[in-house]
Amino acid sequence: IAELKALLRQLPDVHRNVLTYILRFLIDVSAHEHANGASRQTIAQAFARNIFRQHQREDDEEDDDDEFDQEDGTPEEKRQLLLLMMTHAADLEGMGVRGRA
């Protein structure tokens, strides 16, 4: 978790705040799993690939989407990372988030 916190501190404040907001929202959704069927595992499967995606530059628009997406981890690695972050969100609160993210 310490290594993850260190990496998150390297993000620009805006990106870190958005990620924190999204994590809090997804955790809130999973808290109502009994009503919506959305467990943390299901949410991680559905959202990880899009949350952990590099910004695509205009000159890369013609690249195959799956090939581009694999550059920074497999879908399973991204799912596991999001699940880890959701599970340890309280430990990550000290990652330097400012404002009311």
PDB file of N, CA and C in Angstrom:
ATOM      1  N   ILE A   1       0.833  -1.194   0.000  1.00  0.00           N
ATOM      2  CA  ILE A   1       0.000   0.000   0.000  1.00  0.00           C
ATOM      3  C   ILE A   1       0.874   1.252   0.000  1.00  0.00           C
ATOM      4  N   ALA A   2       1.987   1.203   0.699  1.00  0.00           N
ATOM      5  CA  ALA A   2       2.886   2.362   0.746  1.00  0.00           C
ATOM      6  C   ALA A   2       3.395   2.722  -0.647  1.00  0.00           C
ATOM      7  N   GLU A   3       3.726   1.704  -1.438  1.00  0.00           N
ATOM      8  CA  GLU A   3       4.200   1.947  -2.806  1.00  0.00           C
ATOM      9  C   GLU A   3       3.088   2.553  -3.667  1.00  0.00           C
ATOM     10  N   LEU A   4       1.874   2.068  -3.493  1.00  0.00           N
ATOM     11  CA  LEU A   4       0.732   2.612  -4.231  1.00  0.00           C
ATOM     12  C   LEU A   4       0.483   4.066  -3.834  1.00  0.00           C
ATOM     13  N   LYS A   5       0.560   4.363  -2.550  1.00  0.00           N
ATOM     14  CA  LYS A   5       0.389   5.740  -2.087  1.00  0.00           C
ATOM     15  C   LYS A   5       1.446   6.655  -2.706  1.00  0.00           C
ATOM     16  N   ALA A   6       2.673   6.167  -2.773  1.00  0.00           N
ATOM     17  CA  ALA A   6       3.749   6.966  -3.357  1.00  0.00           C
ATOM     18  C   ALA A   6       3.479   7.250  -4.837  1.00  0.00           C
ATOM     19  N   LEU A   7       2.988   6.245  -5.546  1.00  0.00           N
ATOM     20  CA  LEU A   7       2.657   6.447  -6.956  1.00  0.00           C
ATOM     21  C   LEU A   7       1.508   7.432  -7.122  1.00  0.00           C
ATOM     22  N   LEU A   8       0.500   7.313  -6.273  1.00  0.00           N
ATOM     23  CA  LEU A   8      -0.649   8.209  -6.369  1.00  0.00           C
ATOM     24  C   LEU A   8      -0.270   9.652  -6.069  1.00  0.00           C
ATOM     25  N   ARG A   9       0.690   9.847  -5.182  1.00  0.00           N
ATOM     26  CA  ARG A   9       1.154  11.204  -4.879  1.00  0.00           C
ATOM     27  C   ARG A   9       1.816  11.864  -6.080  1.00  0.00           C
ATOM     28  N   GLN A  10       2.289  11.064  -7.027  1.00  0.00           N
ATOM     29  CA  GLN A  10       2.943  11.608  -8.218  1.00  0.00           C
ATOM     30  C   GLN A  10       1.940  12.141  -9.238  1.00  0.00           C
ATOM     31  N   LEU A  11       0.677  11.761  -9.095  1.00  0.00           N
ATOM     32  CA  LEU A  11      -0.339  12.251 -10.024  1.00  0.00           C
ATOM     33  C   LEU A  11      -0.572  13.745  -9.815  1.00  0.00           C
ATOM     34  N   PRO A  12      -0.907  14.455 -10.870  1.00  0.00           N
ATOM     35  CA  PRO A  12      -1.323  15.853 -10.676  1.00  0.00           C
ATOM     36  C   PRO A  12      -2.534  15.891  -9.740  1.00  0.00           C
ATOM     37  N   ASP A  13      -2.650  16.963  -8.956  1.00  0.00           N
ATOM     38  CA  ASP A  13      -3.736  17.070  -7.981  1.00  0.00           C
ATOM     39  C   ASP A  13      -5.101  16.803  -8.598  1.00  0.00           C
ATOM     40  N   VAL A  14      -5.347  17.354  -9.762  1.00  0.00           N
ATOM     41  CA  VAL A  14      -6.650  17.189 -10.406  1.00  0.00           C
ATOM     42  C   VAL A  14      -6.930  15.714 -10.682  1.00  0.00           C
ATOM     43  N   HIS A  15      -5.967  15.000 -11.210  1.00  0.00           N
ATOM     44  CA  HIS A  15      -6.144  13.575 -11.517  1.00  0.00           C
ATOM     45  C   HIS A  15      -6.344  12.760 -10.243  1.00  0.00           C
ATOM     46  N   ARG A  16      -5.548  13.075  -9.237  1.00  0.00           N
ATOM     47  CA  ARG A  16      -5.660  12.356  -7.965  1.00  0.00           C
ATOM     48  C   ARG A  16      -7.021  12.609  -7.323  1.00  0.00           C
ATOM     49  N   ASN A  17      -7.495  13.842  -7.381  1.00  0.00           N
ATOM     50  CA  ASN A  17      -8.797  14.169  -6.805  1.00  0.00           C
ATOM     51  C   ASN A  17      -9.929  13.467  -7.551  1.00  0.00           C
ATOM     52  N   VAL A  18      -9.850  13.421  -8.868  1.00  0.00           N
ATOM     53  CA  VAL A  18     -10.882  12.729  -9.652  1.00  0.00           C
ATOM     54  C   VAL A  18     -10.863  11.233  -9.330  1.00  0.00           C
ATOM     55  N   LEU A  19      -9.687  10.648  -9.272  1.00  0.00           N
ATOM     56  CA  LEU A  19      -9.581   9.225  -8.948  1.00  0.00           C
ATOM     57  C   LEU A  19     -10.164   8.950  -7.562  1.00  0.00           C
ATOM     58  N   THR A  20      -9.869   9.804  -6.600  1.00  0.00           N
ATOM     59  CA  THR A  20     -10.416   9.646  -5.254  1.00  0.00           C
ATOM     60  C   THR A  20     -11.929   9.741  -5.262  1.00  0.00           C
ATOM     61  N   TYR A  21     -12.467  10.697  -5.987  1.00  0.00           N
ATOM     62  CA  TYR A  21     -13.915  10.862  -6.082  1.00  0.00           C
ATOM     63  C   TYR A  21     -14.553   9.610  -6.696  1.00  0.00           C
ATOM     64  N   ILE A  22     -13.958   9.115  -7.763  1.00  0.00           N
ATOM     65  CA  ILE A  22     -14.487   7.910  -8.419  1.00  0.00           C
ATOM     66  C   ILE A  22     -14.433   6.717  -7.465  1.00  0.00           C
ATOM     67  N   LEU A  23     -13.318   6.554  -6.771  1.00  0.00           N
ATOM     68  CA  LEU A  23     -13.194   5.447  -5.816  1.00  0.00           C
ATOM     69  C   LEU A  23     -14.273   5.521  -4.743  1.00  0.00           C
ATOM     70  N   ARG A  24     -14.476   6.708  -4.187  1.00  0.00           N
ATOM     71  CA  ARG A  24     -15.505   6.866  -3.154  1.00  0.00           C
ATOM     72  C   ARG A  24     -16.882   6.525  -3.708  1.00  0.00           C
ATOM     73  N   PHE A  25     -17.161   6.981  -4.916  1.00  0.00           N
ATOM     74  CA  PHE A  25     -18.451   6.694  -5.537  1.00  0.00           C
ATOM     75  C   PHE A  25     -18.634   5.190  -5.748  1.00  0.00           C
ATOM     76  N   LEU A  26     -17.619   4.527  -6.290  1.00  0.00           N
ATOM     77  CA  LEU A  26     -17.720   3.092  -6.551  1.00  0.00           C
ATOM     78  C   LEU A  26     -17.874   2.306  -5.249  1.00  0.00           C
ATOM     79  N   ILE A  27     -17.210   2.743  -4.200  1.00  0.00           N
ATOM     80  CA  ILE A  27     -17.359   2.088  -2.904  1.00  0.00           C
ATOM     81  C   ILE A  27     -18.788   2.278  -2.387  1.00  0.00           C
ATOM     82  N   ASP A  28     -19.324   3.473  -2.560  1.00  0.00           N
ATOM     83  CA  ASP A  28     -20.717   3.714  -2.163  1.00  0.00           C
ATOM     84  C   ASP A  28     -21.679   2.819  -2.938  1.00  0.00           C
ATOM     85  N   VAL A  29     -21.454   2.672  -4.230  1.00  0.00           N
ATOM     86  CA  VAL A  29     -22.305   1.793  -5.043  1.00  0.00           C
ATOM     87  C   VAL A  29     -22.221   0.362  -4.525  1.00  0.00           C
ATOM     88  N   SER A  30     -21.021  -0.098  -4.241  1.00  0.00           N
ATOM     89  CA  SER A  30     -20.857  -1.481  -3.772  1.00  0.00           C
ATOM     90  C   SER A  30     -21.456  -1.686  -2.379  1.00  0.00           C
ATOM     91  N   ALA A  31     -21.585  -0.619  -1.602  1.00  0.00           N
ATOM     92  CA  ALA A  31     -22.197  -0.734  -0.277  1.00  0.00           C
ATOM     93  C   ALA A  31     -23.672  -1.127  -0.367  1.00  0.00           C
ATOM     94  N   HIS A  32     -24.268  -0.927  -1.536  1.00  0.00           N
ATOM     95  CA  HIS A  32     -25.679  -1.265  -1.762  1.00  0.00           C
ATOM     96  C   HIS A  32     -25.805  -2.512  -2.632  1.00  0.00           C
ATOM     97  N   GLU A  33     -24.820  -3.385  -2.525  1.00  0.00           N
ATOM     98  CA  GLU A  33     -24.800  -4.610  -3.331  1.00  0.00           C
ATOM     99  C   GLU A  33     -26.086  -5.419  -3.175  1.00  0.00           C
ATOM    100  N   HIS A  34     -26.644  -5.440  -1.995  1.00  0.00           N
ATOM    101  CA  HIS A  34     -27.869  -6.210  -1.760  1.00  0.00           C
ATOM    102  C   HIS A  34     -29.024  -5.722  -2.642  1.00  0.00           C
ATOM    103  N   ALA A  35     -29.016  -4.440  -3.005  1.00  0.00           N
ATOM    104  CA  ALA A  35     -30.090  -3.873  -3.823  1.00  0.00           C
ATOM    105  C   ALA A  35     -29.743  -3.823  -5.309  1.00  0.00           C
ATOM    106  N   ASN A  36     -28.451  -3.631  -5.625  1.00  0.00           N
ATOM    107  CA  ASN A  36     -28.085  -3.427  -7.031  1.00  0.00           C
ATOM    108  C   ASN A  36     -27.260  -4.566  -7.634  1.00  0.00           C
ATOM    109  N   GLY A  37     -26.833  -5.519  -6.822  1.00  0.00           N
ATOM    110  CA  GLY A  37     -26.060  -6.655  -7.317  1.00  0.00           C
ATOM    111  C   GLY A  37     -24.639  -6.304  -7.730  1.00  0.00           C
ATOM    112  N   ALA A  38     -24.191  -5.099  -7.390  1.00  0.00           N
ATOM    113  CA  ALA A  38     -22.869  -4.639  -7.809  1.00  0.00           C
ATOM    114  C   ALA A  38     -21.862  -4.812  -6.667  1.00  0.00           C
ATOM    115  N   SER A  39     -21.156  -5.925  -6.662  1.00  0.00           N
ATOM    116  CA  SER A  39     -20.105  -6.154  -5.669  1.00  0.00           C
ATOM    117  C   SER A  39     -18.854  -5.388  -6.090  1.00  0.00           C
ATOM    118  N   ARG A  40     -17.907  -5.304  -5.204  1.00  0.00           N
ATOM    119  CA  ARG A  40     -16.638  -4.648  -5.552  1.00  0.00           C
ATOM    120  C   ARG A  40     -15.967  -5.362  -6.722  1.00  0.00           C
ATOM    121  N   GLN A  41     -16.060  -6.681  -6.747  1.00  0.00           N
ATOM    122  CA  GLN A  41     -15.463  -7.449  -7.839  1.00  0.00           C
ATOM    123  C   GLN A  41     -16.148  -7.112  -9.172  1.00  0.00           C
ATOM    124  N   THR A  42     -17.470  -7.040  -9.156  1.00  0.00           N
ATOM    125  CA  THR A  42     -18.222  -6.712 -10.374  1.00  0.00           C
ATOM    126  C   THR A  42     -17.892  -5.308 -10.856  1.00  0.00           C
ATOM    127  N   ILE A  43     -17.829  -4.383  -9.919  1.00  0.00           N
ATOM    128  CA  ILE A  43     -17.508  -2.996 -10.260  1.00  0.00           C
ATOM    129  C   ILE A  43     -16.094  -2.897 -10.818  1.00  0.00           C
ATOM    130  N   ALA A  44     -15.153  -3.577 -10.181  1.00  0.00           N
ATOM    131  CA  ALA A  44     -13.769  -3.552 -10.659  1.00  0.00           C
ATOM    132  C   ALA A  44     -13.683  -4.105 -12.077  1.00  0.00           C
ATOM    133  N   GLN A  45     -14.411  -5.179 -12.336  1.00  0.00           N
ATOM    134  CA  GLN A  45     -14.423  -5.775 -13.681  1.00  0.00           C
ATOM    135  C   GLN A  45     -14.968  -4.782 -14.707  1.00  0.00           C
ATOM    136  N   ALA A  46     -16.010  -4.062 -14.335  1.00  0.00           N
ATOM    137  CA  ALA A  46     -16.672  -3.158 -15.277  1.00  0.00           C
ATOM    138  C   ALA A  46     -15.908  -1.858 -15.524  1.00  0.00           C
ATOM    139  N   PHE A  47     -15.218  -1.331 -14.511  1.00  0.00           N
ATOM    140  CA  PHE A  47     -14.650   0.009 -14.619  1.00  0.00           C
ATOM    141  C   PHE A  47     -13.136   0.085 -14.753  1.00  0.00           C
ATOM    142  N   ALA A  48     -12.415  -0.942 -14.365  1.00  0.00           N
ATOM    143  CA  ALA A  48     -10.952  -0.850 -14.293  1.00  0.00           C
ATOM    144  C   ALA A  48     -10.304  -0.474 -15.621  1.00  0.00           C
ATOM    145  N   ARG A  49     -10.743  -1.082 -16.687  1.00  0.00           N
ATOM    146  CA  ARG A  49     -10.098  -0.842 -17.980  1.00  0.00           C
ATOM    147  C   ARG A  49     -10.192   0.624 -18.387  1.00  0.00           C
ATOM    148  N   ASN A  50     -11.301   1.264 -18.068  1.00  0.00           N
ATOM    149  CA  ASN A  50     -11.472   2.667 -18.453  1.00  0.00           C
ATOM    150  C   ASN A  50     -10.834   3.636 -17.473  1.00  0.00           C
ATOM    151  N   ILE A  51     -10.763   3.262 -16.208  1.00  0.00           N
ATOM    152  CA  ILE A  51     -10.137   4.144 -15.227  1.00  0.00           C
ATOM    153  C   ILE A  51      -8.626   4.185 -15.430  1.00  0.00           C
ATOM    154  N   PHE A  52      -8.026   3.045 -15.687  1.00  0.00           N
ATOM    155  CA  PHE A  52      -6.576   2.967 -15.850  1.00  0.00           C
ATOM    156  C   PHE A  52      -6.211   2.898 -17.323  1.00  0.00           C
ATOM    157  N   ARG A  53      -6.532   3.936 -18.026  1.00  0.00           N
ATOM    158  CA  ARG A  53      -6.275   4.016 -19.454  1.00  0.00           C
ATOM    159  C   ARG A  53      -5.491   5.285 -19.717  1.00  0.00           C
ATOM    160  N   GLN A  54      -4.441   5.151 -20.478  1.00  0.00           N
ATOM    161  CA  GLN A  54      -3.657   6.322 -20.856  1.00  0.00           C
ATOM    162  C   GLN A  54      -4.484   7.213 -21.762  1.00  0.00           C
ATOM    163  N   HIS A  55      -4.183   8.499 -21.686  1.00  0.00           N
ATOM    164  CA  HIS A  55      -4.800   9.428 -22.631  1.00  0.00           C
ATOM    165  C   HIS A  55      -4.252   9.124 -24.013  1.00  0.00           C
ATOM    166  N   GLN A  56      -5.145   8.941 -24.958  1.00  0.00           N
ATOM    167  CA  GLN A  56      -4.734   8.590 -26.322  1.00  0.00           C
ATOM    168  C   GLN A  56      -4.462   9.873 -27.104  1.00  0.00           C
ATOM    169  N   ARG A  57      -3.265   9.957 -27.652  1.00  0.00           N
ATOM    170  CA  ARG A  57      -2.891  11.120 -28.452  1.00  0.00           C
ATOM    171  C   ARG A  57      -3.525  11.022 -29.829  1.00  0.00           C
ATOM    172  N   GLU A  58      -3.724  12.172 -30.445  1.00  0.00           N
ATOM    173  CA  GLU A  58      -4.370  12.212 -31.756  1.00  0.00           C
ATOM    174  C   GLU A  58      -3.630  11.393 -32.799  1.00  0.00           C
ATOM    175  N   ASP A  59      -2.297  11.372 -32.752  1.00  0.00           N
ATOM    176  CA  ASP A  59      -1.543  10.632 -33.756  1.00  0.00           C
ATOM    177  C   ASP A  59      -1.659   9.121 -33.575  1.00  0.00           C
ATOM    178  N   ASP A  60      -2.228   8.670 -32.447  1.00  0.00           N
ATOM    179  CA  ASP A  60      -2.417   7.244 -32.190  1.00  0.00           C
ATOM    180  C   ASP A  60      -3.840   6.775 -32.475  1.00  0.00           C
ATOM    181  N   GLU A  61      -4.697   7.636 -32.997  1.00  0.00           N
ATOM    182  CA  GLU A  61      -6.109   7.308 -33.159  1.00  0.00           C
ATOM    183  C   GLU A  61      -6.355   6.067 -33.997  1.00  0.00           C
ATOM    184  N   GLU A  62      -5.476   5.760 -34.927  1.00  0.00           N
ATOM    185  CA  GLU A  62      -5.693   4.624 -35.803  1.00  0.00           C
ATOM    186  C   GLU A  62      -5.203   3.310 -35.210  1.00  0.00           C
ATOM    187  N   ASP A  63      -4.518   3.375 -34.046  1.00  0.00           N
ATOM    188  CA  ASP A  63      -4.023   2.151 -33.409  1.00  0.00           C
ATOM    189  C   ASP A  63      -5.178   1.285 -32.938  1.00  0.00           C
ATOM    190  N   ASP A  64      -4.941  -0.016 -32.890  1.00  0.00           N
ATOM    191  CA  ASP A  64      -5.927  -0.954 -32.364  1.00  0.00           C
ATOM    192  C   ASP A  64      -6.129  -0.687 -30.879  1.00  0.00           C
ATOM    193  N   ASP A  65      -7.357  -0.516 -30.447  1.00  0.00           N
ATOM    194  CA  ASP A  65      -7.679  -0.154 -29.077  1.00  0.00           C
ATOM    195  C   ASP A  65      -7.130  -1.150 -28.074  1.00  0.00           C
ATOM    196  N   ASP A  66      -7.287  -2.445 -28.300  1.00  0.00           N
ATOM    197  CA  ASP A  66      -6.808  -3.442 -27.358  1.00  0.00           C
ATOM    198  C   ASP A  66      -5.298  -3.418 -27.234  1.00  0.00           C
ATOM    199  N   GLU A  67      -4.617  -3.228 -28.342  1.00  0.00           N
ATOM    200  CA  GLU A  67      -3.160  -3.175 -28.323  1.00  0.00           C
ATOM    201  C   GLU A  67      -2.693  -1.977 -27.505  1.00  0.00           C
ATOM    202  N   PHE A  68      -3.321  -0.824 -27.706  1.00  0.00           N
ATOM    203  CA  PHE A  68      -2.978   0.387 -26.964  1.00  0.00           C
ATOM    204  C   PHE A  68      -3.231   0.184 -25.479  1.00  0.00           C
ATOM    205  N   ASP A  69      -4.340  -0.426 -25.146  1.00  0.00           N
ATOM    206  CA  ASP A  69      -4.753  -0.609 -23.765  1.00  0.00           C
ATOM    207  C   ASP A  69      -3.821  -1.551 -23.009  1.00  0.00           C
ATOM    208  N   GLN A  70      -3.191  -2.491 -23.684  1.00  0.00           N
ATOM    209  CA  GLN A  70      -2.325  -3.473 -23.039  1.00  0.00           C
ATOM    210  C   GLN A  70      -0.987  -2.872 -22.605  1.00  0.00           C
ATOM    211  N   GLU A  71      -0.659  -1.677 -23.091  1.00  0.00           N
ATOM    212  CA  GLU A  71       0.646  -1.100 -22.792  1.00  0.00           C
ATOM    213  C   GLU A  71       0.892  -0.934 -21.301  1.00  0.00           C
ATOM    214  N   ASP A  72      -0.145  -0.673 -20.537  1.00  0.00           N
ATOM    215  CA  ASP A  72       0.031  -0.418 -19.109  1.00  0.00           C
ATOM    216  C   ASP A  72      -0.672  -1.443 -18.245  1.00  0.00           C
ATOM    217  N   GLY A  73      -0.663  -2.684 -18.651  1.00  0.00           N
ATOM    218  CA  GLY A  73      -1.233  -3.746 -17.842  1.00  0.00           C
ATOM    219  C   GLY A  73      -2.384  -4.434 -18.535  1.00  0.00           C
ATOM    220  N   THR A  74      -2.559  -5.666 -18.182  1.00  0.00           N
ATOM    221  CA  THR A  74      -3.652  -6.454 -18.745  1.00  0.00           C
ATOM    222  C   THR A  74      -4.959  -6.035 -18.079  1.00  0.00           C
ATOM    223  N   PRO A  75      -6.094  -6.346 -18.688  1.00  0.00           N
ATOM    224  CA  PRO A  75      -7.377  -6.049 -18.030  1.00  0.00           C
ATOM    225  C   PRO A  75      -7.467  -6.678 -16.634  1.00  0.00           C
ATOM    226  N   GLU A  76      -6.924  -7.867 -16.466  1.00  0.00           N
ATOM    227  CA  GLU A  76      -6.963  -8.521 -15.150  1.00  0.00           C
ATOM    228  C   GLU A  76      -6.105  -7.764 -14.130  1.00  0.00           C
ATOM    229  N   GLU A  77      -4.941  -7.284 -14.538  1.00  0.00           N
ATOM    230  CA  GLU A  77      -4.097  -6.509 -13.634  1.00  0.00           C
ATOM    231  C   GLU A  77      -4.795  -5.212 -13.226  1.00  0.00           C
ATOM    232  N   LYS A  78      -5.465  -4.587 -14.184  1.00  0.00           N
ATOM    233  CA  LYS A  78      -6.192  -3.354 -13.891  1.00  0.00           C
ATOM    234  C   LYS A  78      -7.358  -3.622 -12.956  1.00  0.00           C
ATOM    235  N   ARG A  79      -8.045  -4.737 -13.152  1.00  0.00           N
ATOM    236  CA  ARG A  79      -9.159  -5.113 -12.278  1.00  0.00           C
ATOM    237  C   ARG A  79      -8.648  -5.332 -10.857  1.00  0.00           C
ATOM    238  N   GLN A  80      -7.538  -6.042 -10.741  1.00  0.00           N
ATOM    239  CA  GLN A  80      -6.966  -6.309  -9.419  1.00  0.00           C
ATOM    240  C   GLN A  80      -6.517  -5.022  -8.736  1.00  0.00           C
ATOM    241  N   LEU A  81      -5.957  -4.088  -9.503  1.00  0.00           N
ATOM    242  CA  LEU A  81      -5.521  -2.818  -8.935  1.00  0.00           C
ATOM    243  C   LEU A  81      -6.711  -2.016  -8.419  1.00  0.00           C
ATOM    244  N   LEU A  82      -7.772  -1.935  -9.200  1.00  0.00           N
ATOM    245  CA  LEU A  82      -8.951  -1.198  -8.752  1.00  0.00           C
ATOM    246  C   LEU A  82      -9.561  -1.861  -7.527  1.00  0.00           C
ATOM    247  N   LEU A  83      -9.635  -3.160  -7.515  1.00  0.00           N
ATOM    248  CA  LEU A  83     -10.167  -3.886  -6.358  1.00  0.00           C
ATOM    249  C   LEU A  83      -9.304  -3.622  -5.123  1.00  0.00           C
ATOM    250  N   LEU A  84      -7.994  -3.628  -5.286  1.00  0.00           N
ATOM    251  CA  LEU A  84      -7.076  -3.323  -4.191  1.00  0.00           C
ATOM    252  C   LEU A  84      -7.319  -1.906  -3.670  1.00  0.00           C
ATOM    253  N   MET A  85      -7.469  -0.959  -4.578  1.00  0.00           N
ATOM    254  CA  MET A  85      -7.689   0.431  -4.178  1.00  0.00           C
ATOM    255  C   MET A  85      -9.029   0.600  -3.471  1.00  0.00           C
ATOM    256  N   MET A  86     -10.049  -0.094  -3.934  1.00  0.00           N
ATOM    257  CA  MET A  86     -11.355  -0.009  -3.279  1.00  0.00           C
ATOM    258  C   MET A  86     -11.301  -0.647  -1.896  1.00  0.00           C
ATOM    259  N   THR A  87     -10.607  -1.761  -1.782  1.00  0.00           N
ATOM    260  CA  THR A  87     -10.515  -2.484  -0.519  1.00  0.00           C
ATOM    261  C   THR A  87      -9.718  -1.704   0.527  1.00  0.00           C
ATOM    262  N   HIS A  88      -8.696  -0.978   0.073  1.00  0.00           N
ATOM    263  CA  HIS A  88      -7.816  -0.257   0.995  1.00  0.00           C
ATOM    264  C   HIS A  88      -7.981   1.254   0.881  1.00  0.00           C
ATOM    265  N   ALA A  89      -9.155   1.697   0.508  1.00  0.00           N
ATOM    266  CA  ALA A  89      -9.385   3.134   0.309  1.00  0.00           C
ATOM    267  C   ALA A  89      -9.079   3.936   1.570  1.00  0.00           C
ATOM    268  N   ALA A  90      -9.428   3.412   2.731  1.00  0.00           N
ATOM    269  CA  ALA A  90      -9.162   4.143   3.977  1.00  0.00           C
ATOM    270  C   ALA A  90      -7.662   4.356   4.171  1.00  0.00           C
ATOM    271  N   ASP A  91      -6.869   3.372   3.798  1.00  0.00           N
ATOM    272  CA  ASP A  91      -5.416   3.495   3.910  1.00  0.00           C
ATOM    273  C   ASP A  91      -4.859   4.481   2.894  1.00  0.00           C
ATOM    274  N   LEU A  92      -5.556   4.664   1.790  1.00  0.00           N
ATOM    275  CA  LEU A  92      -5.085   5.550   0.736  1.00  0.00           C
ATOM    276  C   LEU A  92      -5.529   6.993   0.944  1.00  0.00           C
ATOM    277  N   GLU A  93      -6.380   7.234   1.923  1.00  0.00           N
ATOM    278  CA  GLU A  93      -6.868   8.591   2.164  1.00  0.00           C
ATOM    279  C   GLU A  93      -5.723   9.559   2.423  1.00  0.00           C
ATOM    280  N   GLY A  94      -4.624   9.090   2.943  1.00  0.00           N
ATOM    281  CA  GLY A  94      -3.482   9.952   3.205  1.00  0.00           C
ATOM    282  C   GLY A  94      -2.602  10.170   1.996  1.00  0.00           C
ATOM    283  N   MET A  95      -3.149   9.980   0.800  1.00  0.00           N
ATOM    284  CA  MET A  95      -2.312  10.075  -0.401  1.00  0.00           C
ATOM    285  C   MET A  95      -2.157  11.502  -0.886  1.00  0.00           C
ATOM    286  N   GLY A  96      -2.496  12.460  -0.055  1.00  0.00           N
ATOM    287  CA  GLY A  96      -2.256  13.835  -0.417  1.00  0.00           C
ATOM    288  C   GLY A  96      -3.396  14.480  -1.177  1.00  0.00           C
ATOM    289  N   VAL A  97      -4.595  13.963  -1.051  1.00  0.00           N
ATOM    290  CA  VAL A  97      -5.740  14.558  -1.739  1.00  0.00           C
ATOM    291  C   VAL A  97      -6.088  15.866  -1.062  1.00  0.00           C
ATOM    292  N   ARG A  98      -6.290  16.878  -1.865  1.00  0.00           N
ATOM    293  CA  ARG A  98      -6.639  18.185  -1.341  1.00  0.00           C
ATOM    294  C   ARG A  98      -8.052  18.535  -1.742  1.00  0.00           C
ATOM    295  N   GLY A  99      -8.662  19.390  -0.981  1.00  0.00           N
ATOM    296  CA  GLY A  99      -9.993  19.862  -1.345  1.00  0.00           C
ATOM    297  C   GLY A  99     -11.067  18.859  -0.977  1.00  0.00           C
ATOM    298  N   ARG A 100     -12.200  18.996  -1.643  1.00  0.00           N
ATOM    299  CA  ARG A 100     -13.375  18.186  -1.319  1.00  0.00           C
ATOM    300  C   ARG A 100     -13.608  17.068  -2.301  1.00  0.00           C
ATOM    301  N   ALA A 101     -12.589  16.531  -2.913  1.00  0.00           N
ATOM    302  CA  ALA A 101     -12.697  15.484  -3.925  1.00  0.00           C
ATOM    303  C   ALA A 101     -13.833  14.641  -3.611  1.00  0.00           C
TER     304      ALA A 101
END
